[in-house]
Amino acid sequence: MMEILKIPIDEKTIKIEIGSSISQDKKSVVGPIELDMRYITNVSTAINDVIEEGKKIIKVNLSNISYIDSWGLGILCEGHKRAQQRNGALMIINPSQIVTRIINMTKISSRIQVVTE
């Protein structure tokens, strides 16, 4: 099962954490999970909700993602496009090694900022 936490950073910035369970302190999400077609609705809804709330910077933490397929990549690209249409941006933060490799191979890193925090 996928868990998603939306963590406000400031008035314009929010971090979306994705994983298999919520930590005991309920402040983060832990556990590996695959971002594939099974979960695109969950992630898409989370991204769209924060865009509709007026957040300009959306940081999607992919540290718990053990695999990402074309559906997952598509959701990130679509979220970035929607954020840009509202003068914002979607950023990928802390991608796992395998996800970094996939992002670089597909050249998505040339469209979406990838950051290690």
C-alpha atoms as a PDB file:
ATOM      1  CA  MET A   1       0.000   0.000   0.000  1.00  0.00           C
ATOM      2  CA  MET A   2       1.225   3.494  -0.814  1.00  0.00           C
ATOM      3  CA  GLU A   3       1.305   6.283   1.734  1.00  0.00           C
ATOM      4  CA  ILE A   4       1.660   9.945   0.793  1.00  0.00           C
ATOM      5  CA  LEU A   5       2.352  12.852   3.135  1.00  0.00           C
ATOM      6  CA  LYS A   6       2.099  16.485   2.094  1.00  0.00           C
ATOM      7  CA  ILE A   7       4.466  18.500   4.295  1.00  0.00           C
ATOM      8  CA  PRO A   8       4.257  22.306   4.076  1.00  0.00           C
ATOM      9  CA  ILE A   9       7.674  23.982   4.042  1.00  0.00           C
ATOM     10  CA  ASP A  10       6.516  27.584   3.718  1.00  0.00           C
ATOM     11  CA  GLU A  11       3.604  29.507   2.218  1.00  0.00           C
ATOM     12  CA  LYS A  12       4.541  28.637  -1.376  1.00  0.00           C
ATOM     13  CA  THR A  13       6.457  25.380  -0.987  1.00  0.00           C
ATOM     14  CA  ILE A  14       5.344  21.858  -0.127  1.00  0.00           C
ATOM     15  CA  LYS A  15       7.110  18.516   0.001  1.00  0.00           C
ATOM     16  CA  ILE A  16       5.313  15.360  -1.074  1.00  0.00           C
ATOM     17  CA  GLU A  17       6.722  12.207   0.504  1.00  0.00           C
ATOM     18  CA  ILE A  18       5.911   8.789  -0.941  1.00  0.00           C
ATOM     19  CA  GLY A  19       6.534   5.394   0.642  1.00  0.00           C
ATOM     20  CA  SER A  20       5.003   2.190   1.884  1.00  0.00           C
ATOM     21  CA  SER A  21       4.205   3.367   5.434  1.00  0.00           C
ATOM     22  CA  ILE A  22       4.079   6.441   7.644  1.00  0.00           C
ATOM     23  CA  SER A  23       6.832   6.710  10.256  1.00  0.00           C
ATOM     24  CA  GLN A  24       6.008   6.258  13.939  1.00  0.00           C
ATOM     25  CA  ASP A  25       6.326   9.995  14.579  1.00  0.00           C
ATOM     26  CA  LYS A  26       3.966  10.635  11.621  1.00  0.00           C
ATOM     27  CA  LYS A  27       6.395  13.214  10.203  1.00  0.00           C
ATOM     28  CA  SER A  28       7.696  11.241   7.223  1.00  0.00           C
ATOM     29  CA  VAL A  29       7.014   8.298   4.977  1.00  0.00           C
ATOM     30  CA  VAL A  30       9.309   5.270   4.988  1.00  0.00           C
ATOM     31  CA  GLY A  31       9.687   1.982   3.192  1.00  0.00           C
ATOM     32  CA  PRO A  32      10.401   1.153  -0.424  1.00  0.00           C
ATOM     33  CA  ILE A  33       7.633   1.207  -2.977  1.00  0.00           C
ATOM     34  CA  GLU A  34       7.349   1.166  -6.764  1.00  0.00           C
ATOM     35  CA  LEU A  35       5.889   4.185  -8.531  1.00  0.00           C
ATOM     36  CA  ASP A  36       4.037   2.478 -11.336  1.00  0.00           C
ATOM     37  CA  MET A  37       0.589   2.360 -12.903  1.00  0.00           C
ATOM     38  CA  ARG A  38      -0.947   0.935  -9.696  1.00  0.00           C
ATOM     39  CA  TYR A  39      -0.350   4.192  -7.852  1.00  0.00           C
ATOM     40  CA  ILE A  40      -0.492   6.929 -10.484  1.00  0.00           C
ATOM     41  CA  THR A  41      -3.931   8.095  -9.362  1.00  0.00           C
ATOM     42  CA  ASN A  42      -2.714   8.544  -5.773  1.00  0.00           C
ATOM     43  CA  VAL A  43       0.351  10.556  -6.789  1.00  0.00           C
ATOM     44  CA  SER A  44      -1.473  12.540  -9.473  1.00  0.00           C
ATOM     45  CA  THR A  45      -4.190  13.513  -6.995  1.00  0.00           C
ATOM     46  CA  ALA A  46      -1.626  14.617  -4.399  1.00  0.00           C
ATOM     47  CA  ILE A  47       0.237  16.769  -6.943  1.00  0.00           C
ATOM     48  CA  ASN A  48      -2.951  18.250  -8.412  1.00  0.00           C
ATOM     49  CA  ASP A  49      -4.323  19.028  -4.936  1.00  0.00           C
ATOM     50  CA  VAL A  50      -1.281  21.072  -3.921  1.00  0.00           C
ATOM     51  CA  ILE A  51      -1.289  22.923  -7.248  1.00  0.00           C
ATOM     52  CA  GLU A  52      -4.976  23.781  -6.712  1.00  0.00           C
ATOM     53  CA  GLU A  53      -4.107  24.948  -3.166  1.00  0.00           C
ATOM     54  CA  GLY A  54      -1.800  27.522  -4.759  1.00  0.00           C
ATOM     55  CA  LYS A  55       1.577  26.000  -3.909  1.00  0.00           C
ATOM     56  CA  LYS A  56       4.246  27.191  -6.350  1.00  0.00           C
ATOM     57  CA  ILE A  57       7.146  24.861  -5.498  1.00  0.00           C
ATOM     58  CA  ILE A  58       6.319  21.163  -5.242  1.00  0.00           C
ATOM     59  CA  LYS A  59       9.178  18.970  -4.038  1.00  0.00           C
ATOM     60  CA  VAL A  60       8.450  15.297  -4.693  1.00  0.00           C
ATOM     61  CA  ASN A  61      10.696  13.116  -2.532  1.00  0.00           C
ATOM     62  CA  LEU A  62      11.557   9.924  -4.418  1.00  0.00           C
ATOM     63  CA  SER A  63      14.013   8.485  -1.868  1.00  0.00           C
ATOM     64  CA  ASN A  64      11.694   5.545  -1.104  1.00  0.00           C
ATOM     65  CA  ILE A  65      10.939   4.743  -4.740  1.00  0.00           C
ATOM     66  CA  SER A  66      12.620   1.473  -5.670  1.00  0.00           C
ATOM     67  CA  TYR A  67      11.346   1.510  -9.271  1.00  0.00           C
ATOM     68  CA  ILE A  68       9.555   3.958 -11.550  1.00  0.00           C
ATOM     69  CA  ASP A  69       7.900   3.119 -14.864  1.00  0.00           C
ATOM     70  CA  SER A  70       6.667   5.283 -17.729  1.00  0.00           C
ATOM     71  CA  TRP A  71       3.368   5.902 -15.906  1.00  0.00           C
ATOM     72  CA  GLY A  72       5.223   7.294 -12.889  1.00  0.00           C
ATOM     73  CA  LEU A  73       7.489   9.420 -15.065  1.00  0.00           C
ATOM     74  CA  GLY A  74       4.448  10.693 -16.949  1.00  0.00           C
ATOM     75  CA  ILE A  75       2.740  11.822 -13.750  1.00  0.00           C
ATOM     76  CA  LEU A  76       5.846  13.771 -12.718  1.00  0.00           C
ATOM     77  CA  CYS A  77       6.082  15.419 -16.160  1.00  0.00           C
ATOM     78  CA  GLU A  78       2.386  16.270 -16.178  1.00  0.00           C
ATOM     79  CA  GLY A  79       2.612  17.684 -12.650  1.00  0.00           C
ATOM     80  CA  HIS A  80       5.589  19.810 -13.657  1.00  0.00           C
ATOM     81  CA  LYS A  81       3.707  21.074 -16.718  1.00  0.00           C
ATOM     82  CA  ARG A  82       0.644  21.991 -14.621  1.00  0.00           C
ATOM     83  CA  ALA A  83       2.815  23.738 -12.029  1.00  0.00           C
ATOM     84  CA  GLN A  84       4.582  25.736 -14.774  1.00  0.00           C
ATOM     85  CA  GLN A  85       1.223  26.817 -16.191  1.00  0.00           C
ATOM     86  CA  ARG A  86       0.592  28.424 -12.795  1.00  0.00           C
ATOM     87  CA  ASN A  87       4.071  29.989 -12.607  1.00  0.00           C
ATOM     88  CA  GLY A  88       5.388  27.238 -10.366  1.00  0.00           C
ATOM     89  CA  ALA A  89       7.643  24.211 -10.605  1.00  0.00           C
ATOM     90  CA  LEU A  90       7.778  20.586  -9.602  1.00  0.00           C
ATOM     91  CA  MET A  91      11.151  19.330  -8.393  1.00  0.00           C
ATOM     92  CA  ILE A  92      12.340  15.782  -7.808  1.00  0.00           C
ATOM     93  CA  ILE A  93      14.308  15.457  -4.591  1.00  0.00           C
ATOM     94  CA  ASN A  94      16.480  12.642  -3.256  1.00  0.00           C
ATOM     95  CA  PRO A  95      15.800  10.053  -5.959  1.00  0.00           C
ATOM     96  CA  SER A  96      17.138   6.582  -5.264  1.00  0.00           C
ATOM     97  CA  GLN A  97      20.062   5.360  -7.366  1.00  0.00           C
ATOM     98  CA  ILE A  98      17.891   3.293  -9.730  1.00  0.00           C
ATOM     99  CA  VAL A  99      15.392   6.147 -10.151  1.00  0.00           C
ATOM    100  CA  THR A 100      18.240   8.583 -10.857  1.00  0.00           C
ATOM    101  CA  ARG A 101      19.500   6.259 -13.582  1.00  0.00           C
ATOM    102  CA  ILE A 102      16.026   6.035 -15.173  1.00  0.00           C
ATOM    103  CA  ILE A 103      15.505   9.820 -14.946  1.00  0.00           C
ATOM    104  CA  ASN A 104      18.861  10.434 -16.627  1.00  0.00           C
ATOM    105  CA  MET A 105      18.342   7.778 -19.332  1.00  0.00           C
ATOM    106  CA  THR A 106      14.976   9.253 -20.270  1.00  0.00           C
ATOM    107  CA  LYS A 107      16.378  12.797 -20.165  1.00  0.00           C
ATOM    108  CA  ILE A 108      13.634  13.913 -17.792  1.00  0.00           C
ATOM    109  CA  SER A 109      16.368  15.526 -15.714  1.00  0.00           C
ATOM    110  CA  SER A 110      16.733  18.074 -18.525  1.00  0.00           C
ATOM    111  CA  ARG A 111      13.093  19.143 -18.002  1.00  0.00           C
ATOM    112  CA  ILE A 112      12.559  18.706 -14.264  1.00  0.00           C
ATOM    113  CA  GLN A 113      15.056  19.873 -11.655  1.00  0.00           C
ATOM    114  CA  VAL A 114      16.529  16.992  -9.661  1.00  0.00           C
ATOM    115  CA  VAL A 115      18.036  17.871  -6.267  1.00  0.00           C
ATOM    116  CA  THR A 116      19.630  16.023  -3.385  1.00  0.00           C
ATOM    117  CA  GLU A 117      18.739  17.597  -0.039  1.00  0.00           C
END
